[in-house]
């Protein structure tokens, strides 16, 4: 496996990209889960699908668009969807959860239209849906590296603000934090990470990488920072084991990554249950 990675550029691109995604997806996922907005990742992934399908359609019908990386269109749609979600959350102040199914439904609808116009599913579209080791180009790697640096830098600089808004938004606003601007920045970062992750994990499975490692870490962590640390660890294990499994079994990496994350979740749940049982025994004694 190591020899193949050193020999083939596409494997280098896939593994380096996977390592970066294994960091930034669970990193933002920790804040998403705490804010009880887990379905936002699903909604934006479907909007991203619309952008990918639109790009594939335009590349077939407009000569000037041929050769354009669909990742850029996916990012544009994803960022637009994230901003529209924030707008709808202000419109429906007492029913903010409505923003997510509205965007999700719109993303699916627009995506189906463009897929139909592009004469149905193609090999390229399937690679975006479920991930592909061979589809990650050097340009994709550079783009995802830039996004990773941006996300990590923003989280580091705005950690206090994001933490307060996640756990107590009213107190954060009373403290003078510009909640609107922070929400805007956060949603844009989530959109960029989702669009960047689809090459390896796949559009339909990218939300799993943002939530499953966090769900596993919550079972054993004793604080929010520890939750983030375990989430990053579980995310990296899921990506690396998933990519290696996909390489040897000739499977779509998105599926193997998600199954690995689920197995980690089951292990942490079992560990938590065993610890709770031991604690009860000690109390009874």
C-alpha atoms as a PDB file:
ATOM      1  CA  UNK A   1       0.000   0.000   0.000  1.00  0.00           C
ATOM      2  CA  UNK A   2       2.794   2.423   0.937  1.00  0.00           C
ATOM      3  CA  UNK A   3       4.649   1.615  -2.277  1.00  0.00           C
ATOM      4  CA  UNK A   4       1.486   2.359  -4.285  1.00  0.00           C
ATOM      5  CA  UNK A   5       1.026   5.710  -2.526  1.00  0.00           C
ATOM      6  CA  UNK A   6       4.636   6.684  -3.280  1.00  0.00           C
ATOM      7  CA  UNK A   7       4.272   5.593  -6.888  1.00  0.00           C
ATOM      8  CA  UNK A   8       0.869   6.985  -7.909  1.00  0.00           C
ATOM      9  CA  UNK A   9       0.008  10.667  -7.669  1.00  0.00           C
ATOM     10  CA  UNK A  10      -3.766  10.102  -7.458  1.00  0.00           C
ATOM     11  CA  UNK A  11      -3.294   7.993  -4.304  1.00  0.00           C
ATOM     12  CA  UNK A  12      -1.125  10.712  -2.783  1.00  0.00           C
ATOM     13  CA  UNK A  13      -3.817  13.265  -3.569  1.00  0.00           C
ATOM     14  CA  UNK A  14      -6.570  11.074  -2.079  1.00  0.00           C
ATOM     15  CA  UNK A  15      -4.748  10.304   1.171  1.00  0.00           C
ATOM     16  CA  UNK A  16      -3.481  13.829   1.787  1.00  0.00           C
ATOM     17  CA  UNK A  17      -6.937  15.210   1.019  1.00  0.00           C
ATOM     18  CA  UNK A  18      -8.529  12.599   3.291  1.00  0.00           C
ATOM     19  CA  UNK A  19      -6.232  13.519   6.172  1.00  0.00           C
ATOM     20  CA  UNK A  20      -7.180  17.188   5.834  1.00  0.00           C
ATOM     21  CA  UNK A  21     -10.894  16.388   5.616  1.00  0.00           C
ATOM     22  CA  UNK A  22     -10.564  14.144   8.659  1.00  0.00           C
ATOM     23  CA  UNK A  23      -9.540  17.258  10.582  1.00  0.00           C
ATOM     24  CA  UNK A  24     -11.805  20.027   9.337  1.00  0.00           C
ATOM     25  CA  UNK A  25     -15.059  18.044   9.009  1.00  0.00           C
ATOM     26  CA  UNK A  26     -15.216  16.815  12.656  1.00  0.00           C
ATOM     27  CA  UNK A  27     -13.803  20.159  13.847  1.00  0.00           C
ATOM     28  CA  UNK A  28     -16.806  22.062  12.513  1.00  0.00           C
ATOM     29  CA  UNK A  29     -19.055  19.093  13.253  1.00  0.00           C
ATOM     30  CA  UNK A  30     -18.462  19.507  16.981  1.00  0.00           C
ATOM     31  CA  UNK A  31     -19.989  23.000  16.875  1.00  0.00           C
ATOM     32  CA  UNK A  32     -22.797  21.857  14.564  1.00  0.00           C
ATOM     33  CA  UNK A  33     -23.835  19.007  16.877  1.00  0.00           C
ATOM     34  CA  UNK A  34     -23.734  21.183  19.998  1.00  0.00           C
ATOM     35  CA  UNK A  35     -25.913  23.772  18.244  1.00  0.00           C
ATOM     36  CA  UNK A  36     -28.342  20.976  17.277  1.00  0.00           C
ATOM     37  CA  UNK A  37     -27.980  21.771  13.594  1.00  0.00           C
ATOM     38  CA  UNK A  38     -26.754  18.365  12.407  1.00  0.00           C
ATOM     39  CA  UNK A  39     -29.153  18.304   9.455  1.00  0.00           C
ATOM     40  CA  UNK A  40     -27.585  21.454   7.995  1.00  0.00           C
ATOM     41  CA  UNK A  41     -24.788  19.293   6.595  1.00  0.00           C
ATOM     42  CA  UNK A  42     -27.356  17.121   4.808  1.00  0.00           C
ATOM     43  CA  UNK A  43     -29.152  20.139   3.387  1.00  0.00           C
ATOM     44  CA  UNK A  44     -25.969  21.757   2.084  1.00  0.00           C
ATOM     45  CA  UNK A  45     -24.702  18.483   0.629  1.00  0.00           C
ATOM     46  CA  UNK A  46     -27.843  18.262  -1.506  1.00  0.00           C
ATOM     47  CA  UNK A  47     -27.411  21.875  -2.586  1.00  0.00           C
ATOM     48  CA  UNK A  48     -23.823  21.018  -3.512  1.00  0.00           C
ATOM     49  CA  UNK A  49     -25.184  18.169  -5.634  1.00  0.00           C
ATOM     50  CA  UNK A  50     -27.218  20.739  -7.554  1.00  0.00           C
ATOM     51  CA  UNK A  51     -24.072  22.742  -8.242  1.00  0.00           C
ATOM     52  CA  UNK A  52     -22.186  19.661  -9.428  1.00  0.00           C
ATOM     53  CA  UNK A  53     -25.055  18.585 -11.699  1.00  0.00           C
ATOM     54  CA  UNK A  54     -25.334  22.137 -13.079  1.00  0.00           C
ATOM     55  CA  UNK A  55     -21.619  22.202 -13.816  1.00  0.00           C
ATOM     56  CA  UNK A  56     -21.733  18.828 -15.600  1.00  0.00           C
ATOM     57  CA  UNK A  57     -24.716  20.014 -17.659  1.00  0.00           C
ATOM     58  CA  UNK A  58     -23.053  23.301 -18.630  1.00  0.00           C
ATOM     59  CA  UNK A  59     -19.831  21.521 -19.559  1.00  0.00           C
ATOM     60  CA  UNK A  60     -21.839  19.511 -22.101  1.00  0.00           C
ATOM     61  CA  UNK A  61     -23.848  22.389 -23.545  1.00  0.00           C
ATOM     62  CA  UNK A  62     -21.516  25.396 -23.313  1.00  0.00           C
ATOM     63  CA  UNK A  63     -18.131  24.965 -25.052  1.00  0.00           C
ATOM     64  CA  UNK A  64     -16.514  27.636 -22.884  1.00  0.00           C
ATOM     65  CA  UNK A  65     -17.430  25.682 -19.726  1.00  0.00           C
ATOM     66  CA  UNK A  66     -15.721  22.467 -20.811  1.00  0.00           C
ATOM     67  CA  UNK A  67     -12.910  21.439 -18.503  1.00  0.00           C
ATOM     68  CA  UNK A  68     -14.226  23.544 -15.604  1.00  0.00           C
ATOM     69  CA  UNK A  69     -13.768  21.821 -12.254  1.00  0.00           C
ATOM     70  CA  UNK A  70     -17.304  21.031 -10.937  1.00  0.00           C
ATOM     71  CA  UNK A  71     -15.941  21.592  -7.427  1.00  0.00           C
ATOM     72  CA  UNK A  72     -16.121  25.357  -7.960  1.00  0.00           C
ATOM     73  CA  UNK A  73     -19.790  25.269  -8.916  1.00  0.00           C
ATOM     74  CA  UNK A  74     -20.476  23.008  -5.959  1.00  0.00           C
ATOM     75  CA  UNK A  75     -18.852  25.518  -3.619  1.00  0.00           C
ATOM     76  CA  UNK A  76     -20.805  28.421  -5.073  1.00  0.00           C
ATOM     77  CA  UNK A  77     -24.110  26.598  -4.635  1.00  0.00           C
ATOM     78  CA  UNK A  78     -23.147  25.378  -1.159  1.00  0.00           C
ATOM     79  CA  UNK A  79     -22.169  28.848   0.073  1.00  0.00           C
ATOM     80  CA  UNK A  80     -25.329  30.300  -1.461  1.00  0.00           C
ATOM     81  CA  UNK A  81     -27.417  27.639   0.280  1.00  0.00           C
ATOM     82  CA  UNK A  82     -25.751  28.341   3.632  1.00  0.00           C
ATOM     83  CA  UNK A  83     -26.491  32.060   3.332  1.00  0.00           C
ATOM     84  CA  UNK A  84     -30.080  31.325   2.341  1.00  0.00           C
ATOM     85  CA  UNK A  85     -30.468  29.106   5.417  1.00  0.00           C
ATOM     86  CA  UNK A  86     -29.318  31.949   7.653  1.00  0.00           C
ATOM     87  CA  UNK A  87     -31.757  34.291   5.907  1.00  0.00           C
ATOM     88  CA  UNK A  88     -34.657  31.884   6.394  1.00  0.00           C
ATOM     89  CA  UNK A  89     -33.740  31.426  10.057  1.00  0.00           C
ATOM     90  CA  UNK A  90     -34.277  35.162  10.554  1.00  0.00           C
ATOM     91  CA  UNK A  91     -37.554  35.101   8.589  1.00  0.00           C
ATOM     92  CA  UNK A  92     -38.954  32.175  10.598  1.00  0.00           C
ATOM     93  CA  UNK A  93     -37.741  33.301  14.012  1.00  0.00           C
ATOM     94  CA  UNK A  94     -40.076  30.966  15.910  1.00  0.00           C
ATOM     95  CA  UNK A  95     -39.723  28.078  13.440  1.00  0.00           C
ATOM     96  CA  UNK A  96     -36.041  28.258  12.538  1.00  0.00           C
ATOM     97  CA  UNK A  97     -35.808  24.516  11.885  1.00  0.00           C
ATOM     98  CA  UNK A  98     -37.969  25.061   8.763  1.00  0.00           C
ATOM     99  CA  UNK A  99     -34.978  26.604   6.981  1.00  0.00           C
ATOM    100  CA  UNK A 100     -33.198  23.251   6.735  1.00  0.00           C
ATOM    101  CA  UNK A 101     -35.928  21.150   5.015  1.00  0.00           C
ATOM    102  CA  UNK A 102     -36.697  24.075   2.687  1.00  0.00           C
ATOM    103  CA  UNK A 103     -33.091  24.211   1.459  1.00  0.00           C
ATOM    104  CA  UNK A 104     -32.779  20.423   1.410  1.00  0.00           C
ATOM    105  CA  UNK A 105     -35.900  20.065  -0.717  1.00  0.00           C
ATOM    106  CA  UNK A 106     -34.804  22.837  -3.043  1.00  0.00           C
ATOM    107  CA  UNK A 107     -31.360  21.274  -3.432  1.00  0.00           C
ATOM    108  CA  UNK A 108     -32.837  17.891  -4.352  1.00  0.00           C
ATOM    109  CA  UNK A 109     -35.317  19.428  -6.778  1.00  0.00           C
ATOM    110  CA  UNK A 110     -32.777  21.564  -8.619  1.00  0.00           C
ATOM    111  CA  UNK A 111     -30.303  18.689  -8.658  1.00  0.00           C
ATOM    112  CA  UNK A 112     -32.826  16.300 -10.244  1.00  0.00           C
ATOM    113  CA  UNK A 113     -33.620  18.879 -12.938  1.00  0.00           C
ATOM    114  CA  UNK A 114     -29.969  19.342 -13.908  1.00  0.00           C
ATOM    115  CA  UNK A 115     -29.313  15.591 -13.756  1.00  0.00           C
ATOM    116  CA  UNK A 116     -32.220  15.073 -16.163  1.00  0.00           C
ATOM    117  CA  UNK A 117     -30.945  17.800 -18.484  1.00  0.00           C
ATOM    118  CA  UNK A 118     -27.500  16.168 -18.424  1.00  0.00           C
ATOM    119  CA  UNK A 119     -29.038  12.884 -19.631  1.00  0.00           C
ATOM    120  CA  UNK A 120     -29.041  11.120 -16.299  1.00  0.00           C
ATOM    121  CA  UNK A 121     -26.302   9.792 -14.045  1.00  0.00           C
ATOM    122  CA  UNK A 122     -22.780   9.611 -15.394  1.00  0.00           C
ATOM    123  CA  UNK A 123     -19.575   8.100 -14.079  1.00  0.00           C
ATOM    124  CA  UNK A 124     -18.412  11.554 -12.982  1.00  0.00           C
ATOM    125  CA  UNK A 125     -21.613  12.172 -11.053  1.00  0.00           C
ATOM    126  CA  UNK A 126     -21.391   8.808  -9.300  1.00  0.00           C
ATOM    127  CA  UNK A 127     -17.858   9.640  -8.144  1.00  0.00           C
ATOM    128  CA  UNK A 128     -19.189  12.845  -6.579  1.00  0.00           C
ATOM    129  CA  UNK A 129     -22.115  11.055  -4.957  1.00  0.00           C
ATOM    130  CA  UNK A 130     -20.125   8.307  -3.236  1.00  0.00           C
ATOM    131  CA  UNK A 131     -16.520   9.462  -3.395  1.00  0.00           C
ATOM    132  CA  UNK A 132     -13.629   8.193  -5.487  1.00  0.00           C
ATOM    133  CA  UNK A 133      -9.954   7.631  -4.726  1.00  0.00           C
ATOM    134  CA  UNK A 134      -8.924   8.245  -8.329  1.00  0.00           C
ATOM    135  CA  UNK A 135     -11.008  11.406  -8.806  1.00  0.00           C
ATOM    136  CA  UNK A 136      -8.948  13.678  -6.536  1.00  0.00           C
ATOM    137  CA  UNK A 137      -6.616  15.829  -8.629  1.00  0.00           C
ATOM    138  CA  UNK A 138      -3.604  17.845  -7.534  1.00  0.00           C
ATOM    139  CA  UNK A 139      -5.666  20.998  -8.027  1.00  0.00           C
ATOM    140  CA  UNK A 140      -8.329  19.613  -5.687  1.00  0.00           C
ATOM    141  CA  UNK A 141      -5.632  18.933  -3.097  1.00  0.00           C
ATOM    142  CA  UNK A 142      -4.328  22.502  -3.270  1.00  0.00           C
ATOM    143  CA  UNK A 143      -7.851  23.905  -3.001  1.00  0.00           C
ATOM    144  CA  UNK A 144      -8.743  21.716  -0.012  1.00  0.00           C
ATOM    145  CA  UNK A 145      -5.432  22.618   1.651  1.00  0.00           C
ATOM    146  CA  UNK A 146      -6.309  26.315   1.346  1.00  0.00           C
ATOM    147  CA  UNK A 147      -9.786  25.684   2.766  1.00  0.00           C
ATOM    148  CA  UNK A 148      -8.305  23.670   5.649  1.00  0.00           C
ATOM    149  CA  UNK A 149      -5.892  26.466   6.548  1.00  0.00           C
ATOM    150  CA  UNK A 150      -8.754  28.977   6.421  1.00  0.00           C
ATOM    151  CA  UNK A 151     -11.093  26.855   8.581  1.00  0.00           C
ATOM    152  CA  UNK A 152      -8.481  26.005  11.217  1.00  0.00           C
ATOM    153  CA  UNK A 153      -7.353  29.632  11.372  1.00  0.00           C
ATOM    154  CA  UNK A 154     -10.893  30.992  11.759  1.00  0.00           C
ATOM    155  CA  UNK A 155     -11.812  28.442  14.440  1.00  0.00           C
ATOM    156  CA  UNK A 156      -8.625  29.262  16.341  1.00  0.00           C
ATOM    157  CA  UNK A 157      -9.279  33.022  16.222  1.00  0.00           C
ATOM    158  CA  UNK A 158     -13.032  32.833  16.905  1.00  0.00           C
ATOM    159  CA  UNK A 159     -13.078  29.841  19.268  1.00  0.00           C
ATOM    160  CA  UNK A 160     -14.419  31.815  22.234  1.00  0.00           C
ATOM    161  CA  UNK A 161     -17.203  33.412  20.189  1.00  0.00           C
ATOM    162  CA  UNK A 162     -18.196  30.125  18.545  1.00  0.00           C
ATOM    163  CA  UNK A 163     -18.170  28.357  21.915  1.00  0.00           C
ATOM    164  CA  UNK A 164     -20.438  30.934  23.567  1.00  0.00           C
ATOM    165  CA  UNK A 165     -22.851  31.052  20.619  1.00  0.00           C
ATOM    166  CA  UNK A 166     -23.052  27.265  20.573  1.00  0.00           C
ATOM    167  CA  UNK A 167     -23.915  26.850  24.248  1.00  0.00           C
ATOM    168  CA  UNK A 168     -25.700  30.092  25.175  1.00  0.00           C
ATOM    169  CA  UNK A 169     -26.551  32.411  22.296  1.00  0.00           C
ATOM    170  CA  UNK A 170     -28.494  34.891  24.463  1.00  0.00           C
ATOM    171  CA  UNK A 171     -25.564  35.311  26.859  1.00  0.00           C
ATOM    172  CA  UNK A 172     -23.196  35.675  23.910  1.00  0.00           C
ATOM    173  CA  UNK A 173     -25.302  38.461  22.412  1.00  0.00           C
ATOM    174  CA  UNK A 174     -25.545  40.180  25.797  1.00  0.00           C
ATOM    175  CA  UNK A 175     -21.756  40.020  26.039  1.00  0.00           C
ATOM    176  CA  UNK A 176     -21.463  42.104  22.878  1.00  0.00           C
ATOM    177  CA  UNK A 177     -20.581  39.349  20.451  1.00  0.00           C
ATOM    178  CA  UNK A 178     -21.705  40.119  16.896  1.00  0.00           C
ATOM    179  CA  UNK A 179     -23.767  36.964  16.548  1.00  0.00           C
ATOM    180  CA  UNK A 180     -24.948  37.680  13.008  1.00  0.00           C
ATOM    181  CA  UNK A 181     -21.444  38.054  11.621  1.00  0.00           C
ATOM    182  CA  UNK A 182     -20.153  34.969  13.471  1.00  0.00           C
ATOM    183  CA  UNK A 183     -23.104  32.887  12.205  1.00  0.00           C
ATOM    184  CA  UNK A 184     -22.384  34.102   8.671  1.00  0.00           C
ATOM    185  CA  UNK A 185     -18.694  33.157   8.862  1.00  0.00           C
ATOM    186  CA  UNK A 186     -19.485  29.779  10.421  1.00  0.00           C
ATOM    187  CA  UNK A 187     -22.078  28.854   7.807  1.00  0.00           C
ATOM    188  CA  UNK A 188     -19.729  29.792   4.964  1.00  0.00           C
ATOM    189  CA  UNK A 189     -17.023  27.578   6.480  1.00  0.00           C
ATOM    190  CA  UNK A 190     -19.447  24.670   6.800  1.00  0.00           C
ATOM    191  CA  UNK A 191     -20.453  25.099   3.149  1.00  0.00           C
ATOM    192  CA  UNK A 192     -16.827  25.148   1.984  1.00  0.00           C
ATOM    193  CA  UNK A 193     -15.925  22.048   4.012  1.00  0.00           C
ATOM    194  CA  UNK A 194     -18.908  20.114   2.656  1.00  0.00           C
ATOM    195  CA  UNK A 195     -18.058  21.027  -0.920  1.00  0.00           C
ATOM    196  CA  UNK A 196     -14.384  20.183  -0.381  1.00  0.00           C
ATOM    197  CA  UNK A 197     -15.103  16.817   1.259  1.00  0.00           C
ATOM    198  CA  UNK A 198     -17.304  15.410  -1.496  1.00  0.00           C
ATOM    199  CA  UNK A 199     -14.358  14.289  -3.664  1.00  0.00           C
ATOM    200  CA  UNK A 200     -13.291  11.657  -1.125  1.00  0.00           C
ATOM    201  CA  UNK A 201     -16.366  10.988   1.006  1.00  0.00           C
ATOM    202  CA  UNK A 202     -19.119  11.739  -1.511  1.00  0.00           C
ATOM    203  CA  UNK A 203     -21.953  14.245  -1.427  1.00  0.00           C
ATOM    204  CA  UNK A 204     -24.481  11.847   0.082  1.00  0.00           C
ATOM    205  CA  UNK A 205     -22.161  10.751   2.901  1.00  0.00           C
ATOM    206  CA  UNK A 206     -20.180  13.871   3.806  1.00  0.00           C
ATOM    207  CA  UNK A 207     -22.569  14.840   6.619  1.00  0.00           C
ATOM    208  CA  UNK A 208     -21.758  11.519   8.301  1.00  0.00           C
ATOM    209  CA  UNK A 209     -18.095  12.482   8.654  1.00  0.00           C
ATOM    210  CA  UNK A 210     -19.160  15.733  10.347  1.00  0.00           C
ATOM    211  CA  UNK A 211     -21.461  14.058  12.875  1.00  0.00           C
ATOM    212  CA  UNK A 212     -20.481  10.420  13.543  1.00  0.00           C
ATOM    213  CA  UNK A 213     -16.999  11.150  15.008  1.00  0.00           C
ATOM    214  CA  UNK A 214     -18.591  13.813  17.214  1.00  0.00           C
ATOM    215  CA  UNK A 215     -21.352  11.422  18.308  1.00  0.00           C
ATOM    216  CA  UNK A 216     -18.685   8.873  19.272  1.00  0.00           C
ATOM    217  CA  UNK A 217     -16.553  11.390  21.162  1.00  0.00           C
ATOM    218  CA  UNK A 218     -19.508  12.714  23.153  1.00  0.00           C
ATOM    219  CA  UNK A 219     -19.889   9.267  24.736  1.00  0.00           C
ATOM    220  CA  UNK A 220     -16.436   9.339  26.343  1.00  0.00           C
ATOM    221  CA  UNK A 221     -15.320  13.002  26.451  1.00  0.00           C
ATOM    222  CA  UNK A 222     -15.444  15.051  29.660  1.00  0.00           C
ATOM    223  CA  UNK A 223     -15.535  18.517  28.144  1.00  0.00           C
ATOM    224  CA  UNK A 224     -15.956  20.369  24.882  1.00  0.00           C
ATOM    225  CA  UNK A 225     -12.249  20.614  24.080  1.00  0.00           C
ATOM    226  CA  UNK A 226     -11.882  16.903  24.755  1.00  0.00           C
ATOM    227  CA  UNK A 227     -14.894  16.313  22.505  1.00  0.00           C
ATOM    228  CA  UNK A 228     -13.120  18.151  19.689  1.00  0.00           C
ATOM    229  CA  UNK A 229      -9.885  16.224  20.303  1.00  0.00           C
ATOM    230  CA  UNK A 230     -11.602  12.822  20.212  1.00  0.00           C
ATOM    231  CA  UNK A 231     -13.645  13.899  17.179  1.00  0.00           C
ATOM    232  CA  UNK A 232     -10.473  14.714  15.237  1.00  0.00           C
ATOM    233  CA  UNK A 233      -8.912  11.396  16.294  1.00  0.00           C
ATOM    234  CA  UNK A 234     -11.973   9.364  15.299  1.00  0.00           C
ATOM    235  CA  UNK A 235     -12.318  11.331  12.070  1.00  0.00           C
ATOM    236  CA  UNK A 236      -8.725  10.571  11.058  1.00  0.00           C
ATOM    237  CA  UNK A 237      -9.070   6.887  11.941  1.00  0.00           C
ATOM    238  CA  UNK A 238     -12.272   6.681   9.894  1.00  0.00           C
ATOM    239  CA  UNK A 239     -10.681   8.320   6.856  1.00  0.00           C
ATOM    240  CA  UNK A 240      -7.425   6.361   6.916  1.00  0.00           C
ATOM    241  CA  UNK A 241      -9.023   2.964   7.595  1.00  0.00           C
ATOM    242  CA  UNK A 242     -11.766   3.745   5.078  1.00  0.00           C
ATOM    243  CA  UNK A 243      -9.349   4.727   2.316  1.00  0.00           C
ATOM    244  CA  UNK A 244      -7.131   1.692   2.896  1.00  0.00           C
ATOM    245  CA  UNK A 245     -10.190  -0.594   2.863  1.00  0.00           C
ATOM    246  CA  UNK A 246     -11.493   1.047  -0.306  1.00  0.00           C
ATOM    247  CA  UNK A 247      -8.113   0.563  -1.997  1.00  0.00           C
ATOM    248  CA  UNK A 248      -7.823  -3.144  -1.214  1.00  0.00           C
ATOM    249  CA  UNK A 249     -11.503  -4.027  -1.653  1.00  0.00           C
ATOM    250  CA  UNK A 250     -12.031  -1.799  -4.719  1.00  0.00           C
ATOM    251  CA  UNK A 251     -14.977   0.007  -3.119  1.00  0.00           C
ATOM    252  CA  UNK A 252     -16.209   3.595  -3.003  1.00  0.00           C
ATOM    253  CA  UNK A 253     -14.281   5.283  -0.157  1.00  0.00           C
ATOM    254  CA  UNK A 254     -17.334   7.138   1.118  1.00  0.00           C
ATOM    255  CA  UNK A 255     -19.004   3.914   2.194  1.00  0.00           C
ATOM    256  CA  UNK A 256     -15.939   2.430   3.894  1.00  0.00           C
ATOM    257  CA  UNK A 257     -15.209   5.698   5.728  1.00  0.00           C
ATOM    258  CA  UNK A 258     -18.757   5.946   7.059  1.00  0.00           C
ATOM    259  CA  UNK A 259     -18.902   2.257   8.073  1.00  0.00           C
ATOM    260  CA  UNK A 260     -15.615   2.707   9.963  1.00  0.00           C
ATOM    261  CA  UNK A 261     -17.049   5.757  11.744  1.00  0.00           C
ATOM    262  CA  UNK A 262     -20.140   3.749  12.712  1.00  0.00           C
ATOM    263  CA  UNK A 263     -17.979   0.935  14.112  1.00  0.00           C
ATOM    264  CA  UNK A 264     -16.058   3.485  16.190  1.00  0.00           C
ATOM    265  CA  UNK A 265     -19.365   4.853  17.481  1.00  0.00           C
ATOM    266  CA  UNK A 266     -20.519   1.356  18.473  1.00  0.00           C
ATOM    267  CA  UNK A 267     -17.220   0.729  20.299  1.00  0.00           C
ATOM    268  CA  UNK A 268     -17.482   3.982  22.275  1.00  0.00           C
ATOM    269  CA  UNK A 269     -21.077   3.192  23.196  1.00  0.00           C
ATOM    270  CA  UNK A 270     -20.007  -0.244  24.435  1.00  0.00           C
ATOM    271  CA  UNK A 271     -17.137   1.276  26.436  1.00  0.00           C
ATOM    272  CA  UNK A 272     -19.497   3.817  27.995  1.00  0.00           C
ATOM    273  CA  UNK A 273     -21.973   1.080  28.897  1.00  0.00           C
ATOM    274  CA  UNK A 274     -19.266  -1.065  30.515  1.00  0.00           C
ATOM    275  CA  UNK A 275     -17.989   1.896  32.542  1.00  0.00           C
ATOM    276  CA  UNK A 276     -21.518   2.750  33.690  1.00  0.00           C
ATOM    277  CA  UNK A 277     -22.113  -0.860  34.741  1.00  0.00           C
ATOM    278  CA  UNK A 278     -18.867  -0.924  36.731  1.00  0.00           C
ATOM    279  CA  UNK A 279     -19.769   2.363  38.399  1.00  0.00           C
ATOM    280  CA  UNK A 280     -23.165   0.981  39.451  1.00  0.00           C
ATOM    281  CA  UNK A 281     -21.479  -2.118  40.893  1.00  0.00           C
ATOM    282  CA  UNK A 282     -19.095   0.015  42.945  1.00  0.00           C
ATOM    283  CA  UNK A 283     -21.957   2.131  44.294  1.00  0.00           C
ATOM    284  CA  UNK A 284     -23.915  -0.976  45.275  1.00  0.00           C
ATOM    285  CA  UNK A 285     -20.906  -2.462  47.037  1.00  0.00           C
END
